Amino acid sequence: MTAHPISETVASLMPRAKAELTELVAFQSVADPAVFPKSECEAAAAWVADALHAEGFQDVALLDTPDGTQSVYGFLPGPAGAPTVLLYAHYDVQPPLDESAWISPPFELTERDGRWFGRGAADCKGGFVMHLLALRALKANGGVPVSVKVIAEGSEEQGTGGLEQYAQAHPELLAADTVVIGDTGNFRVGLPTVTSTLRGMTMLRIQLDTLEGNLHSGQFGGAAPDALAAMIQLLASLRAEDGTTTVDGLTTDAKWDGLQYPEEEFRKDAKVLDGVELISTGTVADRIWARPAVTVIGIDCPAVVGATPSVQASARAQISLRVPPGMDAGEATKLLTAHLRAHAPWGARVSVEQVGQGQPFRADITSPAYTAMADAMRIAYPGQEMQSSGMGGSIPLCNALSELYPEAEILLIGLSEPEAQIHAVNESVSPEELERLSVAEALFLQNYAASKKA
C-alpha cells in the first residue's frame, strides 16, 4: 500500500522534531519559583514564540497571565472564508521528583528502548512539537487549509488558572470553530483515542495546630494533643477501609459507560506491586473516570533522619480531589472543606487554603469535528478505528473555552498514553505515537476544512 503523502512528509521531519524536542525539554520549566527559577519558564516561552515566528505566525505574543506566568499566542491566517482551529499545548512541566530515580537526566532528552525520555517529552512539550509537525506537513502538501491559532500555556500543571482568567478578560483572542487540545493520550500505544471526559480538580492545603510549640514526648506525650497524629487521623477519614473516597455529601457510586480498562492491564500500567490490592469498588473505568478520588499529595512532617522525640505542635498537608463530570468542582470544594473541619480530632484548630481548582469536562463526540478526526485516525493508524475514553486528569482551560465559545467543538488528543508515565520519574514519549498523531492532526485539519466547504 502506498503511504499517504502527509505520512511520508511527517516521517521525513522526525529527526528535526527530535532535535527540537531535545531543546525544549532542556528548559526546567516548572511554573513554581520555589522549585526552579522563573527564568527557565521565560526561556521556554521565548523558544515557543521563536518557533511560531519561524512558521510564519502573525501576532505572536507572550501573554502575561494573572498568575504571574506567560502563555504564548500566535495566529496563522488561512484561505479566505476558512474555519479557524485553535491548537493548544502547554510548555510548563511537573517537577522531576527524585532525580536519582531517573535512569537518564530528566531535562536531557534521551533515546532508550525505542522511546524518548525526559520531563515534558509527552506532557506536554511533545504536544507542541506535534502541532508543529502537522502544520509543516500541510505546508509541504498544498498548504494549511484553515486559519490556525496556537496557545501554549505556561502554568497548566500548577492549576492556578492564569490562562483561563486571561481568556475570560480577552474573549476574542482564542475564539475558534474547533479546538484541538494536545494534552491527553491514547488508551494504549497504537490505539487511536480521543478523550471524551476529564475529571476536574480541587486542591487544598490544610493546617492543624494543637500546641504553642513542640514538646518533649517523654514529658508530655500521652496527654498533649499531637498535631501530626491528628493530621494522620483526619486524612484517614477521607477513605473507607477499601480505599473508597469518603467525603461527607459526595457521591461515589457513578458508572462509566464506554471503553473499559481491564484490571490486569491497569495493574501493569500503574506498576502495582504483586499482592497489593487496588482500592475502591466497581470497574477500573468507574473508579478513575466517573467517580471522585482524593489523594494526599504532600505532608509536612519531620524527616526520619534527624527527628527528635517531640510532640508536634503543627502539621500541614496538601490534598487533591479529582471531580468527575456531572459534579461541580466548587460544590465539591465546599464539601471537602466542611468534611476536614468536621473531622479534625481533639478540637485541633483547622485552617484550609484553596490553591487550585478546575471544572470537569465532557465533550460531544457526535459532532462533525469528531467524524473528521475519526477519518484522519483511520489513515494514520491503518487497521484501527478511533476509540473514546475518559481521563482522570484535569485541563481547566477546556471548560473556560466551552463557556466562552459554546458553539466550538473541542477535541482532546495527545501523547500521554500509559507507558509515558507522565508526572512520574522516567517520563517518556513514543516517537511512533508522535509521528502518527501528527499525521492524524494534519489530516484532520484537511478533513475539517473540506467538511466546512461542503
Foldseek 3Di string as FASTA:
>chain_A
DDADLLLVQLVVCLVVLVVLLQVLLLQQQAPDCVQPNNVSLVVSLVSLLVLCVVVVWPPWDFDQFPVRHTKTKTKAAADPPFFEEEEEAASHFFHQPPQVPFPDGQSGFDDDPQWTWHTCCFRPSLLSSLQVSLQVSQCVPPHQHHMYMYMYHRHQVQQQCRVLVVCVVVVVRRDGQAYEYAGDADQAVLAAEWAFKEWKKWKKKKKWFQDPFKDQCVVCNPPGDFAVVLVVQLVVCQADPQGQGDQPPFDFDDDDDFDADDPVNVCVLVVPDPPDDDGDDDGPQSRQAPGKHKDFPFKDDDDPVPDHNIRGRMIMTMMMITGHPPDFFVVVVVRNVVSSVVRRPPPIDMDMDIRHIAHMGGFDCVDPLVVLLQVLLCSLRPPHGYGYGHGNHDRRVVVSSCVSHVSHGYIYYTFPHSVQPGPHHGGIGNSSVSSSVSSSVSSSSVSVSVVVVD
